[in-house]
Each structure stands twice: as structure tokens, then as C-alpha cells.
Amino acid sequence: MVAALGILYSRLFHTDVAVYLPYVGAGLVLWQFVAGLINDGCATFTAVQTLIQQVRIPYSIHAYRVVFRNLLILLHNLIIIVVVQFLFHVPFGWKSLLFLPALCVVVINGVWISLLFGMVTARFRDVPPIVASFVQVLFFVTPIFWQPNALGIYEFYGELNPLFAAIDIMRSPLLGGDAAPYSWEIVGCISVMGWLVTLALFARFRSRIAFWV
């Protein structure tokens, strides 16, 4: 997929394949990680229904399990980014190390996403296919295989996409560049608001999760 999209769209967008393919490769790998956190987060509790009803363990353990599984998949897929960077001589320097704190921030967000979406799905079983449909649409409207400057005067609005911000803070260091001006701020705001909402709902409905599943 990386090779096909990289070569095809570099021609369609009249972009140097040596610049475009590393951008697409990193974007697709990191998108799979973010999308996996969202989609798998819906099954945080329903996938372990029997375990929840038989064993008394903290519910957060199930959220950690979802995040850790997707993190392992990401670590395996990072070899794609390494290979592409090697083939196209993408520079690796101190700035590239910003990928690690960016990844930590996204992982922390993955925990509240798993808890929140897991609670909602436990109560309303129609949520997963709805979320999957939205995620599929967001893939095309998020700058993954196209760059925000392709929007012209609307570039600013493309950069406000929270999913783009989450991917941007991880992808830009890997490509030796800087994240968009507001990506870190957007991710920070989403982190604070997401955790506040999730903790409030979790405190309110925690005792009902075992009955919902």
C-alpha cells in the first residue's frame, strides 16, 4: 500500500517521490495505530465480557490491554518507516527523538479513548460500526496521503483536525521536520478535555459496566 500510494499519488500531485513516499509511509503506519486505538477501544469491555463477570480486576487493565496491543503492532510496522527512510536518505537527528514524547502523549490519549468508547459500546452495541464508518471517512479528510497545503487558503482548517495533529506530532520528527504550528496545542487540549470527560463518566457509570456487558 505504501509503495502503491506513494508512487501513484506522487505523480498525481506532481511531487518528488523521494519526498512524498516517506510522508505517505509514515502517515499510513501511524494512521493504522491511531485508528486501531479508536476502533479497538470500542470493544474494550465487550471483548472480555466473561472475564469482567468472573474476575474482579480494575477496568483500566482492559484499556491498557487495548493500547498495548496496538502499540506492539505499531512497533512491528515501524520497520516500514525505517526501510523507506533508508532508501530515500531521510535525515535522522536529535529532532527525530521528539517522536518518543509524541508517541507517549498519543498512548496516554489511547487509554481514555479505550475507557470512554468501551463504556459507550457496553451500553449501546450499535456504536462500533458507526465509529468504524466515521473513522473510514476521517481517513480521507485527514492529511495522510495528501498535505494540508493542498487546501490552499483553507490549509489552516486542515491542520485543526485533531487526528492530523496526533499523527503530525509523531510523523514530523520522523521526517526531520517540525510539526504544524498548533499540533501540540491541539493534542494537549484534546488530552485534557478527553480525560476530564472520561473520568467524570467513568466515576458515574463504573458500577454499571459489569451489568451492561
N, C-alpha and C. Protein backbone atom coordinates (compact mmCIF):
# COMPACT_ATOMS: atom_id res chain seq x y z
N MET A 1 0.83 -1.20 0.00
CA MET A 1 0.00 0.00 0.00
C MET A 1 0.87 1.26 0.00
N VAL A 2 1.93 1.25 0.81
CA VAL A 2 2.82 2.41 0.86
C VAL A 2 3.44 2.67 -0.51
N ALA A 3 3.93 1.61 -1.15
CA ALA A 3 4.57 1.76 -2.45
C ALA A 3 3.55 2.21 -3.50
N ALA A 4 2.37 1.58 -3.49
CA ALA A 4 1.36 1.91 -4.50
C ALA A 4 0.89 3.35 -4.37
N LEU A 5 0.49 3.74 -3.16
CA LEU A 5 0.01 5.12 -2.96
C LEU A 5 1.13 6.13 -3.14
N GLY A 6 2.32 5.79 -2.67
CA GLY A 6 3.44 6.72 -2.78
C GLY A 6 3.80 7.04 -4.21
N ILE A 7 3.88 6.01 -5.05
CA ILE A 7 4.26 6.21 -6.44
C ILE A 7 3.13 6.85 -7.23
N LEU A 8 1.89 6.35 -7.03
CA LEU A 8 0.75 6.87 -7.79
C LEU A 8 0.46 8.34 -7.47
N TYR A 9 0.33 8.64 -6.17
CA TYR A 9 -0.08 9.99 -5.80
C TYR A 9 1.05 11.01 -5.94
N SER A 10 2.29 10.53 -5.93
CA SER A 10 3.39 11.46 -6.21
C SER A 10 3.29 11.96 -7.65
N ARG A 11 2.80 11.11 -8.55
CA ARG A 11 2.58 11.54 -9.93
C ARG A 11 1.36 12.43 -10.04
N LEU A 12 0.28 12.06 -9.33
CA LEU A 12 -0.94 12.85 -9.40
C LEU A 12 -0.74 14.25 -8.81
N PHE A 13 0.04 14.32 -7.73
CA PHE A 13 0.27 15.60 -7.07
C PHE A 13 1.53 16.32 -7.59
N HIS A 14 2.19 15.69 -8.59
CA HIS A 14 3.40 16.28 -9.19
C HIS A 14 4.44 16.58 -8.11
N THR A 15 4.68 15.58 -7.27
CA THR A 15 5.62 15.70 -6.16
C THR A 15 6.75 14.70 -6.32
N ASP A 16 7.92 15.06 -5.88
CA ASP A 16 9.07 14.17 -5.93
C ASP A 16 8.80 12.94 -5.07
N VAL A 17 8.92 11.75 -5.67
CA VAL A 17 8.61 10.52 -4.95
C VAL A 17 9.52 10.34 -3.75
N ALA A 18 10.74 10.86 -3.80
CA ALA A 18 11.67 10.74 -2.68
C ALA A 18 11.22 11.54 -1.47
N VAL A 19 10.39 12.54 -1.70
CA VAL A 19 9.83 13.34 -0.61
C VAL A 19 8.46 12.81 -0.20
N TYR A 20 7.68 12.41 -1.19
CA TYR A 20 6.29 12.04 -0.93
C TYR A 20 6.15 10.65 -0.31
N LEU A 21 6.93 9.69 -0.78
CA LEU A 21 6.76 8.31 -0.30
C LEU A 21 7.08 8.17 1.19
N PRO A 22 8.15 8.79 1.71
CA PRO A 22 8.35 8.73 3.17
C PRO A 22 7.21 9.39 3.94
N TYR A 23 6.63 10.45 3.39
CA TYR A 23 5.50 11.13 4.03
C TYR A 23 4.30 10.20 4.11
N VAL A 24 4.00 9.53 3.01
CA VAL A 24 2.86 8.61 2.97
C VAL A 24 3.12 7.38 3.83
N GLY A 25 4.34 6.85 3.74
CA GLY A 25 4.66 5.65 4.51
C GLY A 25 4.49 5.87 6.00
N ALA A 26 5.05 6.97 6.51
CA ALA A 26 4.91 7.27 7.94
C ALA A 26 3.45 7.55 8.28
N GLY A 27 2.75 8.25 7.39
CA GLY A 27 1.36 8.59 7.66
C GLY A 27 0.46 7.37 7.75
N LEU A 28 0.64 6.42 6.85
CA LEU A 28 -0.21 5.22 6.86
C LEU A 28 0.05 4.36 8.09
N VAL A 29 1.32 4.21 8.45
CA VAL A 29 1.66 3.39 9.62
C VAL A 29 1.09 4.01 10.89
N LEU A 30 1.26 5.31 11.03
CA LEU A 30 0.78 5.99 12.23
C LEU A 30 -0.74 6.09 12.23
N TRP A 31 -1.36 6.22 11.06
CA TRP A 31 -2.82 6.24 11.00
C TRP A 31 -3.38 4.90 11.45
N GLN A 32 -2.77 3.80 11.03
CA GLN A 32 -3.23 2.48 11.46
C GLN A 32 -3.20 2.37 12.98
N PHE A 33 -2.17 2.96 13.59
CA PHE A 33 -2.06 2.93 15.05
C PHE A 33 -3.18 3.73 15.70
N VAL A 34 -3.41 4.95 15.25
CA VAL A 34 -4.44 5.81 15.82
C VAL A 34 -5.83 5.23 15.57
N ALA A 35 -6.09 4.79 14.34
CA ALA A 35 -7.39 4.20 14.02
C ALA A 35 -7.62 2.93 14.80
N GLY A 36 -6.56 2.15 15.04
CA GLY A 36 -6.69 0.93 15.82
C GLY A 36 -7.08 1.21 17.26
N LEU A 37 -6.51 2.29 17.83
CA LEU A 37 -6.89 2.67 19.19
C LEU A 37 -8.37 3.01 19.28
N ILE A 38 -8.88 3.70 18.26
CA ILE A 38 -10.29 4.11 18.27
C ILE A 38 -11.21 2.91 18.06
N ASN A 39 -10.94 2.13 17.01
CA ASN A 39 -11.82 1.00 16.69
C ASN A 39 -11.76 -0.09 17.75
N ASP A 40 -10.56 -0.45 18.19
CA ASP A 40 -10.43 -1.49 19.21
C ASP A 40 -10.92 -1.00 20.57
N GLY A 41 -10.86 0.32 20.78
CA GLY A 41 -11.34 0.87 22.04
C GLY A 41 -12.82 0.61 22.26
N CYS A 42 -13.56 0.48 21.17
CA CYS A 42 -15.00 0.21 21.31
C CYS A 42 -15.25 -1.15 21.96
N ALA A 43 -14.34 -2.09 21.77
CA ALA A 43 -14.53 -3.44 22.32
C ALA A 43 -13.73 -3.66 23.60
N THR A 44 -13.35 -2.58 24.26
CA THR A 44 -12.52 -2.69 25.46
C THR A 44 -13.14 -3.62 26.50
N PHE A 45 -14.44 -3.48 26.72
CA PHE A 45 -15.12 -4.27 27.76
C PHE A 45 -15.94 -5.42 27.17
N THR A 46 -16.56 -5.21 26.03
CA THR A 46 -17.41 -6.27 25.46
C THR A 46 -16.58 -7.47 25.02
N ALA A 47 -15.30 -7.25 24.66
CA ALA A 47 -14.47 -8.36 24.21
C ALA A 47 -14.04 -9.26 25.36
N VAL A 48 -14.13 -8.75 26.58
CA VAL A 48 -13.75 -9.54 27.76
C VAL A 48 -14.94 -9.65 28.71
N GLN A 49 -16.10 -9.84 28.16
CA GLN A 49 -17.33 -9.92 28.95
C GLN A 49 -17.25 -10.97 30.04
N THR A 50 -16.81 -12.18 29.67
CA THR A 50 -16.74 -13.28 30.65
C THR A 50 -15.75 -12.97 31.76
N LEU A 51 -14.62 -12.40 31.39
CA LEU A 51 -13.60 -12.08 32.38
C LEU A 51 -14.10 -11.04 33.38
N ILE A 52 -14.80 -10.03 32.88
CA ILE A 52 -15.33 -8.98 33.76
C ILE A 52 -16.34 -9.55 34.75
N GLN A 53 -17.15 -10.49 34.29
CA GLN A 53 -18.21 -11.04 35.14
C GLN A 53 -17.71 -12.08 36.13
N GLN A 54 -16.48 -12.59 35.91
CA GLN A 54 -15.98 -13.66 36.77
C GLN A 54 -14.80 -13.25 37.65
N VAL A 55 -14.03 -12.26 37.19
CA VAL A 55 -12.81 -11.88 37.91
C VAL A 55 -12.89 -10.40 38.27
N ARG A 56 -12.60 -10.09 39.51
CA ARG A 56 -12.64 -8.70 39.96
C ARG A 56 -11.25 -8.07 39.79
N ILE A 57 -11.06 -7.35 38.69
CA ILE A 57 -9.82 -6.63 38.42
C ILE A 57 -10.18 -5.22 37.96
N PRO A 58 -9.29 -4.28 38.11
CA PRO A 58 -9.58 -2.90 37.69
C PRO A 58 -9.95 -2.83 36.21
N TYR A 59 -10.96 -2.03 35.89
CA TYR A 59 -11.38 -1.89 34.50
C TYR A 59 -10.29 -1.25 33.65
N SER A 60 -9.45 -0.47 34.26
CA SER A 60 -8.40 0.19 33.49
C SER A 60 -7.44 -0.81 32.86
N ILE A 61 -7.33 -2.00 33.45
CA ILE A 61 -6.45 -3.03 32.91
C ILE A 61 -6.86 -3.37 31.48
N HIS A 62 -8.15 -3.40 31.22
CA HIS A 62 -8.64 -3.74 29.89
C HIS A 62 -8.29 -2.64 28.88
N ALA A 63 -8.31 -1.40 29.34
CA ALA A 63 -7.92 -0.29 28.46
C ALA A 63 -6.42 -0.37 28.15
N TYR A 64 -5.63 -0.70 29.17
CA TYR A 64 -4.19 -0.85 28.95
C TYR A 64 -3.91 -1.98 27.96
N ARG A 65 -4.69 -3.04 28.03
CA ARG A 65 -4.51 -4.16 27.12
C ARG A 65 -4.72 -3.73 25.67
N VAL A 66 -5.78 -2.96 25.44
CA VAL A 66 -6.06 -2.49 24.08
C VAL A 66 -4.93 -1.61 23.56
N VAL A 67 -4.49 -0.68 24.39
CA VAL A 67 -3.42 0.24 23.98
C VAL A 67 -2.12 -0.52 23.74
N PHE A 68 -1.79 -1.45 24.62
CA PHE A 68 -0.54 -2.19 24.50
C PHE A 68 -0.53 -3.05 23.24
N ARG A 69 -1.68 -3.66 22.91
CA ARG A 69 -1.75 -4.47 21.70
C ARG A 69 -1.49 -3.63 20.45
N ASN A 70 -2.10 -2.46 20.37
CA ASN A 70 -1.89 -1.60 19.21
C ASN A 70 -0.48 -1.02 19.19
N LEU A 71 0.10 -0.81 20.36
CA LEU A 71 1.47 -0.33 20.43
C LEU A 71 2.44 -1.38 19.89
N LEU A 72 2.19 -2.64 20.22
CA LEU A 72 3.02 -3.72 19.70
C LEU A 72 2.93 -3.80 18.17
N ILE A 73 1.72 -3.64 17.65
CA ILE A 73 1.54 -3.66 16.19
C ILE A 73 2.30 -2.50 15.56
N LEU A 74 2.24 -1.33 16.18
CA LEU A 74 2.98 -0.18 15.67
C LEU A 74 4.48 -0.44 15.65
N LEU A 75 5.00 -1.02 16.72
CA LEU A 75 6.43 -1.28 16.79
C LEU A 75 6.87 -2.25 15.69
N HIS A 76 6.01 -3.21 15.35
CA HIS A 76 6.32 -4.10 14.24
C HIS A 76 6.31 -3.35 12.91
N ASN A 77 5.32 -2.45 12.74
CA ASN A 77 5.17 -1.75 11.47
C ASN A 77 6.17 -0.62 11.29
N LEU A 78 6.83 -0.21 12.36
CA LEU A 78 7.83 0.85 12.24
C LEU A 78 8.98 0.46 11.31
N ILE A 79 9.16 -0.83 11.09
CA ILE A 79 10.21 -1.27 10.19
C ILE A 79 9.97 -0.73 8.79
N ILE A 80 8.69 -0.53 8.43
CA ILE A 80 8.36 0.04 7.12
C ILE A 80 8.92 1.45 7.01
N ILE A 81 8.73 2.24 8.06
CA ILE A 81 9.24 3.61 8.06
C ILE A 81 10.75 3.62 7.99
N VAL A 82 11.40 2.73 8.74
CA VAL A 82 12.86 2.66 8.76
C VAL A 82 13.39 2.33 7.37
N VAL A 83 12.77 1.36 6.71
CA VAL A 83 13.21 0.95 5.37
C VAL A 83 13.05 2.09 4.38
N VAL A 84 11.89 2.76 4.41
CA VAL A 84 11.64 3.87 3.49
C VAL A 84 12.63 5.02 3.74
N GLN A 85 12.88 5.32 5.02
CA GLN A 85 13.84 6.38 5.34
C GLN A 85 15.24 6.03 4.84
N PHE A 86 15.61 4.77 4.95
CA PHE A 86 16.93 4.35 4.48
C PHE A 86 17.03 4.45 2.97
N LEU A 87 16.00 4.01 2.27
CA LEU A 87 16.04 4.02 0.80
C LEU A 87 16.07 5.43 0.23
N PHE A 88 15.40 6.36 0.91
CA PHE A 88 15.30 7.72 0.37
C PHE A 88 16.15 8.72 1.17
N HIS A 89 17.03 8.21 2.02
CA HIS A 89 18.02 9.03 2.72
C HIS A 89 17.36 10.16 3.53
N VAL A 90 16.32 9.80 4.26
CA VAL A 90 15.67 10.78 5.14
C VAL A 90 16.59 11.03 6.33
N PRO A 91 16.91 12.28 6.63
CA PRO A 91 17.86 12.56 7.72
C PRO A 91 17.31 12.18 9.08
N PHE A 92 18.18 11.66 9.91
CA PHE A 92 17.82 11.31 11.29
C PHE A 92 18.74 12.08 12.22
N GLY A 93 18.14 12.91 13.09
CA GLY A 93 18.92 13.70 14.02
C GLY A 93 18.26 13.79 15.37
N TRP A 94 18.74 14.74 16.18
CA TRP A 94 18.19 14.91 17.52
C TRP A 94 16.70 15.25 17.46
N LYS A 95 16.29 15.98 16.43
CA LYS A 95 14.89 16.35 16.31
C LYS A 95 13.99 15.12 16.16
N SER A 96 14.54 14.05 15.60
CA SER A 96 13.75 12.83 15.40
C SER A 96 13.36 12.19 16.72
N LEU A 97 14.11 12.49 17.79
CA LEU A 97 13.81 11.90 19.10
C LEU A 97 12.51 12.45 19.68
N LEU A 98 11.98 13.54 19.12
CA LEU A 98 10.69 14.07 19.57
C LEU A 98 9.56 13.08 19.29
N PHE A 99 9.85 12.08 18.45
CA PHE A 99 8.84 11.05 18.19
C PHE A 99 8.46 10.32 19.47
N LEU A 100 9.41 10.13 20.37
CA LEU A 100 9.16 9.36 21.60
C LEU A 100 8.17 10.06 22.53
N PRO A 101 8.37 11.35 22.89
CA PRO A 101 7.34 12.01 23.72
C PRO A 101 6.01 12.14 23.00
N ALA A 102 6.05 12.32 21.68
CA ALA A 102 4.78 12.40 20.93
C ALA A 102 4.03 11.08 21.01
N LEU A 103 4.76 9.98 20.88
CA LEU A 103 4.14 8.66 20.99
C LEU A 103 3.55 8.46 22.38
N CYS A 104 4.26 8.89 23.41
CA CYS A 104 3.75 8.76 24.78
C CYS A 104 2.45 9.53 24.97
N VAL A 105 2.37 10.72 24.40
CA VAL A 105 1.15 11.53 24.51
C VAL A 105 -0.02 10.82 23.83
N VAL A 106 0.22 10.27 22.65
CA VAL A 106 -0.85 9.57 21.92
C VAL A 106 -1.27 8.32 22.68
N VAL A 107 -0.32 7.62 23.27
CA VAL A 107 -0.65 6.41 24.06
C VAL A 107 -1.51 6.78 25.26
N ILE A 108 -1.17 7.89 25.93
CA ILE A 108 -1.98 8.35 27.06
C ILE A 108 -3.40 8.66 26.62
N ASN A 109 -3.53 9.27 25.44
CA ASN A 109 -4.87 9.54 24.90
C ASN A 109 -5.59 8.24 24.56
N GLY A 110 -4.81 7.24 24.14
CA GLY A 110 -5.44 5.96 23.80
C GLY A 110 -6.11 5.31 24.99
N VAL A 111 -5.62 5.57 26.19
CA VAL A 111 -6.23 4.98 27.39
C VAL A 111 -7.62 5.56 27.62
N TRP A 112 -7.76 6.90 27.56
CA TRP A 112 -9.09 7.46 27.80
C TRP A 112 -10.04 7.14 26.65
N ILE A 113 -9.50 7.03 25.44
CA ILE A 113 -10.34 6.65 24.31
C ILE A 113 -10.90 5.25 24.52
N SER A 114 -10.05 4.33 24.99
CA SER A 114 -10.50 2.95 25.23
C SER A 114 -11.54 2.90 26.35
N LEU A 115 -11.31 3.65 27.42
CA LEU A 115 -12.27 3.66 28.52
C LEU A 115 -13.61 4.27 28.09
N LEU A 116 -13.55 5.42 27.40
CA LEU A 116 -14.77 6.12 27.02
C LEU A 116 -15.56 5.34 25.98
N PHE A 117 -14.90 4.95 24.91
CA PHE A 117 -15.59 4.22 23.85
C PHE A 117 -16.02 2.84 24.33
N GLY A 118 -15.23 2.25 25.24
CA GLY A 118 -15.60 0.95 25.78
C GLY A 118 -16.87 1.03 26.61
N MET A 119 -17.01 2.09 27.42
CA MET A 119 -18.23 2.27 28.22
C MET A 119 -19.44 2.51 27.33
N VAL A 120 -19.29 3.37 26.34
CA VAL A 120 -20.41 3.68 25.45
C VAL A 120 -20.85 2.45 24.68
N THR A 121 -19.89 1.65 24.21
CA THR A 121 -20.23 0.44 23.46
C THR A 121 -20.87 -0.60 24.36
N ALA A 122 -20.43 -0.70 25.61
CA ALA A 122 -21.04 -1.65 26.53
C ALA A 122 -22.52 -1.34 26.74
N ARG A 123 -22.86 -0.07 26.68
CA ARG A 123 -24.26 0.35 26.86
C ARG A 123 -25.03 0.32 25.55
N PHE A 124 -24.39 0.73 24.46
CA PHE A 124 -25.06 0.80 23.15
C PHE A 124 -24.25 -0.01 22.15
N ARG A 125 -24.70 -1.19 21.81
CA ARG A 125 -23.92 -2.12 20.99
C ARG A 125 -23.85 -1.72 19.51
N ASP A 126 -24.60 -0.71 19.10
CA ASP A 126 -24.55 -0.26 17.71
C ASP A 126 -23.41 0.72 17.46
N VAL A 127 -22.68 1.08 18.50
CA VAL A 127 -21.65 2.11 18.36
C VAL A 127 -20.47 1.68 17.49
N PRO A 128 -19.91 0.45 17.62
CA PRO A 128 -18.71 0.09 16.85
C PRO A 128 -18.83 0.28 15.34
N PRO A 129 -19.90 -0.22 14.68
CA PRO A 129 -19.96 0.01 13.23
C PRO A 129 -20.11 1.49 12.86
N ILE A 130 -20.76 2.26 13.73
CA ILE A 130 -20.87 3.70 13.49
C ILE A 130 -19.50 4.36 13.57
N VAL A 131 -18.75 4.01 14.62
CA VAL A 131 -17.41 4.57 14.79
C VAL A 131 -16.51 4.15 13.63
N ALA A 132 -16.60 2.88 13.22
CA ALA A 132 -15.77 2.39 12.11
C ALA A 132 -16.06 3.17 10.83
N SER A 133 -17.33 3.48 10.60
CA SER A 133 -17.70 4.25 9.40
C SER A 133 -17.13 5.65 9.46
N PHE A 134 -17.21 6.29 10.63
CA PHE A 134 -16.66 7.64 10.79
C PHE A 134 -15.15 7.63 10.61
N VAL A 135 -14.48 6.61 11.16
CA VAL A 135 -13.03 6.52 11.04
C VAL A 135 -12.62 6.37 9.58
N GLN A 136 -13.40 5.60 8.83
CA GLN A 136 -13.09 5.42 7.41
C GLN A 136 -13.22 6.73 6.65
N VAL A 137 -14.26 7.50 6.98
CA VAL A 137 -14.43 8.81 6.33
C VAL A 137 -13.30 9.76 6.73
N LEU A 138 -12.94 9.75 8.02
CA LEU A 138 -11.89 10.63 8.51
C LEU A 138 -10.54 10.33 7.86
N PHE A 139 -10.35 9.08 7.42
CA PHE A 139 -9.10 8.74 6.74
C PHE A 139 -8.90 9.58 5.49
N PHE A 140 -10.00 9.83 4.77
CA PHE A 140 -9.90 10.57 3.52
C PHE A 140 -9.84 12.08 3.72
N VAL A 141 -10.40 12.57 4.82
CA VAL A 141 -10.40 14.02 5.05
C VAL A 141 -9.24 14.45 5.95
N THR A 142 -8.43 13.50 6.41
CA THR A 142 -7.26 13.81 7.22
C THR A 142 -6.02 13.77 6.34
N PRO A 143 -5.13 14.74 6.46
CA PRO A 143 -3.91 14.75 5.63
C PRO A 143 -2.98 13.58 5.94
N ILE A 144 -3.29 12.43 5.35
CA ILE A 144 -2.46 11.25 5.49
C ILE A 144 -1.63 11.07 4.22
N PHE A 145 -2.30 10.96 3.07
CA PHE A 145 -1.59 10.82 1.81
C PHE A 145 -1.66 12.09 0.97
N TRP A 146 -2.15 13.16 1.57
CA TRP A 146 -2.07 14.49 0.95
C TRP A 146 -1.66 15.48 2.04
N GLN A 147 -1.06 16.57 1.64
CA GLN A 147 -0.55 17.54 2.59
C GLN A 147 -1.52 18.69 2.78
N PRO A 148 -1.56 19.29 3.98
CA PRO A 148 -2.51 20.37 4.26
C PRO A 148 -2.41 21.54 3.29
N ASN A 149 -1.19 21.83 2.78
CA ASN A 149 -1.07 22.96 1.88
C ASN A 149 -1.77 22.75 0.55
N ALA A 150 -2.24 21.50 0.31
CA ALA A 150 -3.03 21.25 -0.90
C ALA A 150 -4.39 21.93 -0.81
N LEU A 151 -4.80 22.32 0.39
CA LEU A 151 -6.09 23.01 0.58
C LEU A 151 -6.00 24.49 0.24
N GLY A 152 -4.82 24.97 -0.02
CA GLY A 152 -4.67 26.38 -0.36
C GLY A 152 -4.99 27.30 0.80
N ILE A 153 -5.95 28.19 0.60
CA ILE A 153 -6.29 29.16 1.65
C ILE A 153 -6.98 28.49 2.84
N TYR A 154 -7.38 27.24 2.68
CA TYR A 154 -8.04 26.52 3.77
C TYR A 154 -7.08 25.59 4.50
N GLU A 155 -5.80 25.76 4.29
CA GLU A 155 -4.80 24.90 4.94
C GLU A 155 -4.94 24.93 6.45
N PHE A 156 -5.23 26.09 6.99
CA PHE A 156 -5.34 26.24 8.45
C PHE A 156 -6.40 25.31 9.03
N TYR A 157 -7.53 25.16 8.31
CA TYR A 157 -8.61 24.32 8.81
C TYR A 157 -8.24 22.84 8.75
N GLY A 158 -7.45 22.47 7.76
CA GLY A 158 -6.98 21.09 7.71
C GLY A 158 -6.07 20.75 8.86
N GLU A 159 -5.28 21.73 9.30
CA GLU A 159 -4.36 21.50 10.41
C GLU A 159 -5.07 21.46 11.75
N LEU A 160 -6.33 21.91 11.81
CA LEU A 160 -7.10 21.87 13.06
C LEU A 160 -7.69 20.49 13.33
N ASN A 161 -7.60 19.60 12.37
CA ASN A 161 -8.11 18.24 12.53
C ASN A 161 -7.34 17.55 13.66
N PRO A 162 -8.02 17.14 14.75
CA PRO A 162 -7.31 16.51 15.88
C PRO A 162 -6.54 15.26 15.49
N LEU A 163 -7.08 14.48 14.55
CA LEU A 163 -6.38 13.27 14.14
C LEU A 163 -5.11 13.62 13.37
N PHE A 164 -5.18 14.67 12.56
CA PHE A 164 -3.97 15.12 11.87
C PHE A 164 -2.93 15.59 12.88
N ALA A 165 -3.39 16.32 13.90
CA ALA A 165 -2.46 16.82 14.92
C ALA A 165 -1.76 15.67 15.62
N ALA A 166 -2.52 14.62 15.96
CA ALA A 166 -1.93 13.46 16.64
C ALA A 166 -0.89 12.77 15.77
N ILE A 167 -1.19 12.64 14.49
CA ILE A 167 -0.24 12.00 13.57
C ILE A 167 0.92 12.93 13.27
N ASP A 168 0.64 14.22 13.17
CA ASP A 168 1.66 15.19 12.80
C ASP A 168 2.79 15.27 13.83
N ILE A 169 2.44 15.23 15.11
CA ILE A 169 3.49 15.35 16.14
C ILE A 169 4.38 14.11 16.16
N MET A 170 3.90 12.98 15.60
CA MET A 170 4.73 11.78 15.51
C MET A 170 5.45 11.70 14.17
N ARG A 171 4.77 12.08 13.11
CA ARG A 171 5.35 11.93 11.76
C ARG A 171 6.43 12.97 11.47
N SER A 172 6.19 14.21 11.85
CA SER A 172 7.15 15.27 11.52
C SER A 172 8.56 14.99 12.04
N PRO A 173 8.73 14.58 13.30
CA PRO A 173 10.09 14.25 13.77
C PRO A 173 10.74 13.13 12.97
N LEU A 174 9.95 12.13 12.56
CA LEU A 174 10.50 11.02 11.80
C LEU A 174 10.99 11.46 10.43
N LEU A 175 10.41 12.53 9.91
CA LEU A 175 10.80 13.04 8.60
C LEU A 175 11.82 14.17 8.72
N GLY A 176 12.25 14.46 9.94
CA GLY A 176 13.25 15.50 10.14
C GLY A 176 12.71 16.91 10.05
N GLY A 177 11.40 17.08 10.20
CA GLY A 177 10.78 18.40 10.11
C GLY A 177 10.14 18.82 11.42
N ASP A 178 9.44 19.92 11.35
CA ASP A 178 8.72 20.44 12.51
C ASP A 178 7.23 20.21 12.35
N ALA A 179 6.55 19.98 13.45
CA ALA A 179 5.10 19.79 13.42
C ALA A 179 4.42 21.10 13.05
N ALA A 180 3.18 21.01 12.59
CA ALA A 180 2.41 22.20 12.25
C ALA A 180 2.30 23.10 13.49
N PRO A 181 2.08 24.40 13.29
CA PRO A 181 2.13 25.36 14.40
C PRO A 181 1.29 25.02 15.61
N TYR A 182 0.11 24.43 15.41
CA TYR A 182 -0.81 24.23 16.53
C TYR A 182 -1.03 22.75 16.87
N SER A 183 -0.25 21.86 16.29
CA SER A 183 -0.49 20.42 16.51
C SER A 183 -0.34 20.03 17.97
N TRP A 184 0.75 20.46 18.62
CA TRP A 184 0.95 20.11 20.03
C TRP A 184 -0.13 20.72 20.91
N GLU A 185 -0.52 21.95 20.63
CA GLU A 185 -1.57 22.60 21.42
C GLU A 185 -2.90 21.87 21.28
N ILE A 186 -3.22 21.45 20.05
CA ILE A 186 -4.47 20.74 19.81
C ILE A 186 -4.48 19.41 20.55
N VAL A 187 -3.40 18.67 20.44
CA VAL A 187 -3.32 17.37 21.12
C VAL A 187 -3.39 17.56 22.63
N GLY A 188 -2.75 18.60 23.14
CA GLY A 188 -2.79 18.88 24.57
C GLY A 188 -4.21 19.18 25.04
N CYS A 189 -4.93 20.00 24.30
CA CYS A 189 -6.32 20.33 24.66
C CYS A 189 -7.21 19.11 24.61
N ILE A 190 -7.04 18.29 23.57
CA ILE A 190 -7.83 17.07 23.44
C ILE A 190 -7.53 16.12 24.60
N SER A 191 -6.28 16.06 25.01
CA SER A 191 -5.90 15.18 26.11
C SER A 191 -6.59 15.59 27.40
N VAL A 192 -6.55 16.88 27.70
CA VAL A 192 -7.15 17.37 28.95
C VAL A 192 -8.66 17.19 28.92
N MET A 193 -9.30 17.62 27.84
CA MET A 193 -10.77 17.50 27.75
C MET A 193 -11.21 16.05 27.73
N GLY A 194 -10.47 15.21 27.00
CA GLY A 194 -10.84 13.80 26.92
C GLY A 194 -10.77 13.11 28.27
N TRP A 195 -9.70 13.37 29.02
CA TRP A 195 -9.56 12.75 30.33
C TRP A 195 -10.60 13.28 31.32
N LEU A 196 -10.91 14.56 31.27
CA LEU A 196 -11.90 15.12 32.19
C LEU A 196 -13.28 14.50 31.94
N VAL A 197 -13.67 14.41 30.67
CA VAL A 197 -14.98 13.82 30.34
C VAL A 197 -15.00 12.34 30.70
N THR A 198 -13.92 11.63 30.37
CA THR A 198 -13.88 10.19 30.63
C THR A 198 -13.91 9.89 32.12
N LEU A 199 -13.14 10.61 32.91
CA LEU A 199 -13.12 10.37 34.36
C LEU A 199 -14.47 10.68 34.99
N ALA A 200 -15.14 11.73 34.51
CA ALA A 200 -16.46 12.08 35.04
C ALA A 200 -17.46 10.97 34.74
N LEU A 201 -17.47 10.49 33.50
CA LEU A 201 -18.41 9.42 33.12
C LEU A 201 -18.04 8.10 33.77
N PHE A 202 -16.74 7.83 33.88
CA PHE A 202 -16.30 6.58 34.48
C PHE A 202 -16.68 6.53 35.96
N ALA A 203 -16.54 7.65 36.66
CA ALA A 203 -16.93 7.70 38.06
C ALA A 203 -18.43 7.52 38.23
N ARG A 204 -19.18 8.00 37.24
CA ARG A 204 -20.65 7.93 37.32
C ARG A 204 -21.19 6.55 36.97
N PHE A 205 -20.59 5.88 35.97
CA PHE A 205 -21.17 4.64 35.47
C PHE A 205 -20.29 3.41 35.67
N ARG A 206 -19.22 3.53 36.41
CA ARG A 206 -18.32 2.41 36.59
C ARG A 206 -19.02 1.18 37.14
N SER A 207 -19.90 1.36 38.08
CA SER A 207 -20.56 0.23 38.74
C SER A 207 -21.54 -0.48 37.83
N ARG A 208 -21.88 0.12 36.69
CA ARG A 208 -22.86 -0.50 35.79
C ARG A 208 -22.23 -1.28 34.65
N ILE A 209 -20.93 -1.15 34.46
CA ILE A 209 -20.29 -1.76 33.31
C ILE A 209 -20.48 -3.28 33.32
N ALA A 210 -20.32 -3.92 34.47
CA ALA A 210 -20.46 -5.37 34.56
C ALA A 210 -21.86 -5.82 34.15
N PHE A 211 -22.87 -4.99 34.41
CA PHE A 211 -24.24 -5.35 34.04
C PHE A 211 -24.50 -5.05 32.56
N TRP A 212 -23.85 -4.04 32.03
CA TRP A 212 -24.05 -3.70 30.61
C TRP A 212 -23.48 -4.77 29.70
N VAL A 213 -22.29 -5.29 30.07
CA VAL A 213 -21.66 -6.28 29.18
C VAL A 213 -22.39 -7.62 29.21
